[in-house]
Each structure stands twice: as structure tokens, then as C-alpha cells.
Amino acid sequence: MLLERDLSLHGVVPSTLALTKQSTGRKYLSMIKLQMQMIEMQILRVRRLTLIPGGVLPPGSKPMYRFSNSLPYLLARLGVRMGDLFARVIRHEKLTLPMYRVLAALSEQGHPLRLGEIAELTSADVSTLSRIVAEMSRAGLLTRDRPENDQRSLQVVLTPKGAELAGRLMPLAAYYEEVATGSMSAKEAAELKRVLVELYKNIDRLEQEVEAGLIKVPPPARPKDVLDEQPEARGKARQPRSKTARK
């Protein structure tokens, strides 16, 4: 009311005052809406950069990824520990963990396998697997034969000695799995295995992106002093020198 009275003394009519209030209100709301949109865009940008390979986060931002809680680390820690404990037991049979995997794969399939098939089942490199199979053949655990209909391929089959050893070791591996799953039900353990198989298949996409060169390490960030430079300082640097300075 006081504002309206003061304005009326200066010749401002109430209708003009109402229009002024509405205009000011609209500008205020527009500024708030613009600020909210800018905040939302910044949040989306941070989220996108934490998910897209090669994204560079703004200074001071913390990524969502944590090594100690990352899936590859947790899986590797579990596999390495179980594998090490199992290897410490089977070494008394003069076996290594890769050797056991070959025995288990051949025993599970129940028929001769080519080196490539064994490599796929055991996730082993073919050249490394070839040396392992040769060593196991000398130990009398398996044989390597070339079938008459395909002399170029090498088929591997367990000997009675190898089959007997696999029959003694596979129940031991099942016990390790039983201890590791703990209080999980059989259904929960089966679901966990299903998820792990699905995760392994999902890695095909990463392999394709790596081979295509789509995933790269981001470049180094700019020096901190450049990022922290104040706009006022940059403005002062652009100001022309005074006449006194030129003299």
C-alpha cells in the first residue's frame, strides 16, 4: 500500500503498477526455471560421464565406480582364492589347476574333444593348452589321436588312469563349491550361476568395442592453476595500458 501511494504521487496509475508487478513476477519465475534447468543439465552430464567410457568428470567430482566394490575385482578375488586352495590339495597328485580343468572338461563331456573345444571350455589359450595336454599325455592321463576322417585335427580323450583321477577330484571340487555357497539354497546357487553365465556373454560387447578402438583412456586433465584462474584476472590482462604506462 505504501508503495502504491508513493507511486501515485509520481503519476503512476494502479494499472501500470499491476503490469509492473506481473512483469517482475514473470521475470523472477523465468530466472528460477532457468537455474533449475542448468542444475538438471549439470546432474545429467555428471551421470553420463560416469557411465560412458572415456568421460572426464569436472574437477572435484567423485565417480560412482569403486575398485574395492567392482564386479571384476570381487569375482577375481573369489576365483583366485578358491583356485589357490584347490591347487594346494591336487598338487599331491602332481597336477596343476589348468590340468585339473582339462580332466574335468573331458570327463564332463564324455567324448573326445579337439584342442579348440577344450580351450573354450577351460578359458585357456590354445598354445598354452597344447603344452599342458602334451605333459598330461606323457603322464598317461590322456591320449592324443588324429581321426582317420580328419588328419588335420587332434582329438584328446581320457585314459582309464585319467578318468579314475577325475572321478576322485570332481567331488572334491563340488565340496569347495558347497562351502563357498554357504547358506544359499540350491535355487539361489543355480540363479547365481545363471547370472554369471549371462555376465560372461555380455562381455562380448566390450570385446567388440575394444577391438574397434571405441574405448580409450581419457587424456590428462589441464593444470589446476589454469582451471582456477579467475575471470577478473583474465579481464585485467586484456585491459590496454594507460598513457602514463606507455610513456
Protein backbone atom coordinates (compact mmCIF):
# COMPACT_ATOMS: atom_id res chain seq x y z
CA MET A 1 0.00 0.00 0.00
CA LEU A 2 2.81 2.42 0.82
CA LEU A 3 4.47 1.61 -2.47
CA GLU A 4 1.25 2.28 -4.39
CA ARG A 5 0.76 5.62 -2.58
CA ASP A 6 4.30 6.74 -3.29
CA LEU A 7 3.99 5.82 -6.95
CA SER A 8 0.69 7.62 -7.26
CA LEU A 9 2.38 10.78 -6.10
CA HIS A 10 4.70 10.49 -9.10
CA GLY A 11 1.89 9.99 -11.55
CA VAL A 12 1.98 6.18 -11.77
CA VAL A 13 -1.53 4.81 -12.07
CA PRO A 14 -2.57 1.50 -10.38
CA SER A 15 -2.96 -0.31 -13.71
CA THR A 16 0.63 0.50 -14.57
CA LEU A 17 1.71 -0.73 -11.14
CA ALA A 18 -0.13 -4.03 -11.69
CA LEU A 19 1.57 -4.54 -15.01
CA THR A 20 4.92 -3.81 -13.41
CA LYS A 21 4.26 -6.40 -10.69
CA GLN A 22 3.23 -9.05 -13.23
CA SER A 23 6.27 -8.37 -15.42
CA THR A 24 8.61 -8.56 -12.44
CA GLY A 25 6.99 -11.80 -11.27
CA ARG A 26 7.32 -13.40 -14.69
CA LYS A 27 10.99 -12.44 -14.93
CA TYR A 28 11.63 -13.84 -11.45
CA LEU A 29 9.93 -17.15 -12.29
CA SER A 30 11.82 -17.35 -15.59
CA MET A 31 15.14 -16.91 -13.77
CA ILE A 32 14.26 -19.66 -11.28
CA LYS A 33 13.21 -22.00 -14.11
CA LEU A 34 16.46 -21.30 -15.97
CA GLN A 35 18.54 -22.01 -12.86
CA MET A 36 16.71 -25.32 -12.28
CA GLN A 37 17.30 -26.36 -15.90
CA MET A 38 21.01 -25.58 -15.58
CA ILE A 39 21.24 -27.67 -12.40
CA GLU A 40 19.44 -30.59 -14.06
CA MET A 41 21.75 -30.40 -17.09
CA GLN A 42 24.81 -30.48 -14.82
CA ILE A 43 23.49 -33.52 -12.94
CA LEU A 44 22.77 -35.36 -16.20
CA ARG A 45 26.22 -34.50 -17.50
CA VAL A 46 27.92 -35.94 -14.41
CA ARG A 47 25.83 -39.10 -14.58
CA ARG A 48 26.54 -39.53 -18.28
CA LEU A 49 30.28 -39.08 -17.84
CA THR A 50 30.39 -41.72 -15.09
CA LEU A 51 28.72 -44.24 -17.39
CA ILE A 52 30.31 -43.50 -20.77
CA PRO A 53 33.86 -44.88 -21.29
CA GLY A 54 36.34 -42.03 -21.58
CA GLY A 55 34.10 -39.49 -19.82
CA VAL A 56 36.03 -36.84 -17.89
CA LEU A 57 34.43 -35.67 -14.66
CA PRO A 58 34.51 -32.00 -13.62
CA PRO A 59 37.17 -31.04 -11.03
CA GLY A 60 36.18 -32.13 -7.54
CA SER A 61 33.59 -34.66 -8.73
CA LYS A 62 33.81 -38.24 -7.47
CA PRO A 63 32.96 -41.12 -9.84
CA MET A 64 30.45 -43.78 -8.83
CA TYR A 65 32.99 -46.57 -9.58
CA ARG A 66 34.85 -48.07 -6.63
CA PHE A 67 37.62 -50.62 -7.22
CA SER A 68 37.09 -52.42 -3.91
CA ASN A 69 33.43 -52.97 -4.82
CA SER A 70 33.85 -53.56 -8.56
CA LEU A 71 32.49 -56.74 -10.10
CA PRO A 72 35.73 -57.89 -11.82
CA TYR A 73 37.69 -57.47 -8.60
CA LEU A 74 35.16 -59.38 -6.47
CA LEU A 75 34.94 -62.23 -8.99
CA ALA A 76 38.71 -62.43 -9.40
CA ARG A 77 39.25 -62.43 -5.64
CA LEU A 78 36.83 -65.30 -5.22
CA GLY A 79 38.25 -67.33 -8.13
CA VAL A 80 41.88 -66.81 -7.17
CA ARG A 81 41.33 -67.81 -3.55
CA MET A 82 39.30 -70.93 -4.34
CA GLY A 83 41.71 -71.90 -7.11
CA ASP A 84 44.74 -71.49 -4.87
CA LEU A 85 43.21 -73.60 -2.09
CA PHE A 86 42.24 -76.30 -4.58
CA ALA A 87 45.68 -76.28 -6.21
CA ARG A 88 47.33 -76.80 -2.84
CA VAL A 89 45.44 -80.09 -2.49
CA ILE A 90 45.71 -81.50 -6.02
CA ARG A 91 49.44 -80.84 -6.26
CA HIS A 92 49.89 -84.03 -4.24
CA GLU A 93 48.61 -85.79 -7.38
CA LYS A 94 51.21 -83.89 -9.43
CA LEU A 95 48.50 -81.79 -11.02
CA THR A 96 48.14 -78.08 -11.60
CA LEU A 97 44.83 -76.21 -11.72
CA PRO A 98 44.85 -75.99 -15.56
CA MET A 99 45.49 -79.74 -15.72
CA TYR A 100 42.51 -80.42 -13.49
CA ARG A 101 40.31 -78.28 -15.72
CA VAL A 102 41.29 -80.35 -18.74
CA LEU A 103 40.48 -83.57 -16.84
CA ALA A 104 37.13 -82.20 -15.65
CA ALA A 105 36.16 -80.91 -19.11
CA LEU A 106 36.93 -84.25 -20.80
CA SER A 107 35.17 -86.19 -18.05
CA GLU A 108 32.09 -83.98 -18.18
CA GLN A 109 31.72 -84.15 -21.97
CA GLY A 110 32.29 -87.91 -22.09
CA HIS A 111 33.73 -87.98 -25.64
CA PRO A 112 36.94 -86.95 -27.43
CA LEU A 113 37.47 -83.20 -27.81
CA ARG A 114 39.61 -81.07 -30.09
CA LEU A 115 42.09 -78.61 -28.59
CA GLY A 116 39.91 -75.68 -29.61
CA GLU A 117 36.91 -77.17 -27.82
CA ILE A 118 38.94 -77.76 -24.65
CA ALA A 119 40.30 -74.22 -24.83
CA GLU A 120 36.76 -72.83 -24.99
CA LEU A 121 35.58 -74.95 -22.07
CA THR A 122 38.57 -74.12 -19.86
CA SER A 123 39.15 -70.49 -20.97
CA ALA A 124 42.77 -71.37 -21.77
CA ASP A 125 45.00 -70.17 -24.59
CA VAL A 126 45.40 -72.80 -27.31
CA SER A 127 49.21 -72.58 -27.37
CA THR A 128 49.39 -72.93 -23.58
CA LEU A 129 46.82 -75.71 -23.65
CA SER A 130 48.87 -77.63 -26.21
CA ARG A 131 51.83 -77.82 -23.80
CA ILE A 132 49.57 -78.86 -20.91
CA VAL A 133 47.98 -81.65 -22.97
CA ALA A 134 51.41 -82.87 -24.06
CA GLU A 135 52.56 -83.05 -20.43
CA MET A 136 49.39 -84.87 -19.37
CA SER A 137 49.83 -87.32 -22.24
CA ARG A 138 53.35 -88.17 -21.03
CA ALA A 139 51.86 -88.76 -17.56
CA GLY A 140 49.42 -91.29 -19.02
CA LEU A 141 46.29 -89.25 -18.18
CA LEU A 142 45.07 -88.80 -21.76
CA THR A 143 45.85 -89.65 -25.35
CA ARG A 144 46.09 -87.50 -28.48
CA ASP A 145 44.92 -89.04 -31.74
CA ARG A 146 44.16 -87.84 -35.24
CA PRO A 147 40.90 -89.30 -36.56
CA GLU A 148 41.02 -91.07 -39.92
CA ASN A 149 38.40 -88.77 -41.45
CA ASP A 150 40.24 -85.59 -40.36
CA GLN A 151 44.01 -85.85 -40.14
CA ARG A 152 44.41 -82.11 -39.56
CA SER A 153 42.62 -82.08 -36.20
CA LEU A 154 43.93 -83.52 -32.95
CA GLN A 155 41.42 -85.19 -30.65
CA VAL A 156 42.05 -85.68 -26.95
CA VAL A 157 40.49 -88.43 -24.82
CA LEU A 158 40.97 -89.55 -21.23
CA THR A 159 42.78 -92.77 -20.44
CA PRO A 160 41.40 -95.07 -17.71
CA LYS A 161 44.00 -93.56 -15.37
CA GLY A 162 42.88 -90.03 -16.19
CA ALA A 163 39.19 -90.91 -15.85
CA GLU A 164 39.83 -92.50 -12.44
CA LEU A 165 41.69 -89.42 -11.21
CA ALA A 166 38.96 -87.10 -12.47
CA GLY A 167 36.40 -89.21 -10.64
CA ARG A 168 38.24 -88.65 -7.37
CA LEU A 169 38.85 -84.92 -7.81
CA MET A 170 35.49 -83.67 -9.10
CA PRO A 171 33.61 -84.50 -5.87
CA LEU A 172 36.29 -82.55 -4.02
CA ALA A 173 35.65 -79.54 -6.29
CA ALA A 174 31.93 -79.89 -5.56
CA TYR A 175 32.69 -79.70 -1.84
CA TYR A 176 34.60 -76.44 -2.36
CA GLU A 177 31.56 -75.04 -4.14
CA GLU A 178 29.26 -76.22 -1.35
CA VAL A 179 31.36 -74.44 1.27
CA ALA A 180 31.58 -71.26 -0.82
CA THR A 181 27.80 -71.01 -1.31
CA GLY A 182 27.29 -71.41 2.44
CA SER A 183 23.67 -70.89 3.49
CA MET A 184 22.44 -70.29 -0.06
CA SER A 185 19.72 -72.63 -1.24
CA ALA A 186 20.17 -74.81 -4.31
CA LYS A 187 17.82 -72.49 -6.21
CA GLU A 188 19.82 -69.42 -5.19
CA ALA A 189 23.09 -71.07 -6.18
CA ALA A 190 21.64 -72.02 -9.57
CA GLU A 191 20.42 -68.45 -10.10
CA LEU A 192 23.87 -67.11 -9.24
CA LYS A 193 25.46 -69.38 -11.83
CA ARG A 194 22.89 -68.30 -14.42
CA VAL A 195 23.72 -64.64 -13.78
CA LEU A 196 27.45 -65.32 -14.05
CA VAL A 197 26.96 -67.04 -17.41
CA GLU A 198 24.90 -64.08 -18.61
CA LEU A 199 27.57 -61.62 -17.44
CA TYR A 200 30.20 -63.56 -19.37
CA LYS A 201 28.13 -63.32 -22.54
CA ASN A 202 27.66 -59.58 -22.01
CA ILE A 203 31.43 -59.11 -22.21
CA ASP A 204 31.19 -59.82 -25.96
CA ARG A 205 30.12 -56.19 -26.38
CA LEU A 206 33.21 -54.93 -24.56
CA GLU A 207 35.42 -57.14 -26.72
CA GLN A 208 33.89 -55.69 -29.88
CA GLU A 209 34.30 -52.11 -28.63
CA VAL A 210 37.93 -52.68 -27.61
CA GLU A 211 38.80 -54.27 -30.96
CA ALA A 212 37.11 -51.37 -32.77
CA GLY A 213 39.10 -48.83 -30.72
CA LEU A 214 35.98 -47.27 -29.21
CA ILE A 215 37.22 -47.43 -25.61
CA LYS A 216 40.25 -45.29 -24.81
CA VAL A 217 41.91 -43.85 -21.72
CA PRO A 218 40.86 -40.17 -21.33
CA PRO A 219 43.59 -37.55 -21.84
CA PRO A 220 45.23 -35.87 -18.83
CA ALA A 221 43.32 -33.00 -17.22
CA ARG A 222 44.54 -29.46 -17.67
CA PRO A 223 46.82 -27.98 -14.97
CA LYS A 224 44.94 -26.89 -11.87
CA ASP A 225 46.22 -23.33 -11.99
CA VAL A 226 44.65 -22.85 -15.43
CA LEU A 227 41.30 -24.17 -14.22
CA ASP A 228 41.37 -22.00 -11.11
CA GLU A 229 42.21 -18.78 -12.95
CA GLN A 230 39.67 -16.10 -12.04
CA PRO A 231 37.72 -14.29 -14.77
CA GLU A 232 38.69 -10.94 -13.20
CA ALA A 233 42.36 -11.72 -13.66
CA ARG A 234 41.83 -12.60 -17.31
CA GLY A 235 39.86 -9.35 -17.76
CA LYS A 236 42.64 -7.27 -16.26
CA ALA A 237 45.18 -8.86 -18.57
CA ARG A 238 43.18 -7.66 -21.61
CA GLN A 239 42.95 -4.01 -20.44
CA PRO A 240 45.11 -1.59 -22.52
CA ARG A 241 47.97 0.16 -20.83
CA SER A 242 47.41 3.72 -19.70
CA LYS A 243 49.08 6.72 -21.33
CA THR A 244 51.37 7.04 -18.34
CA ALA A 245 52.47 3.43 -18.72
CA ARG A 246 53.14 3.91 -22.45
CA LYS A 247 55.35 6.91 -21.68
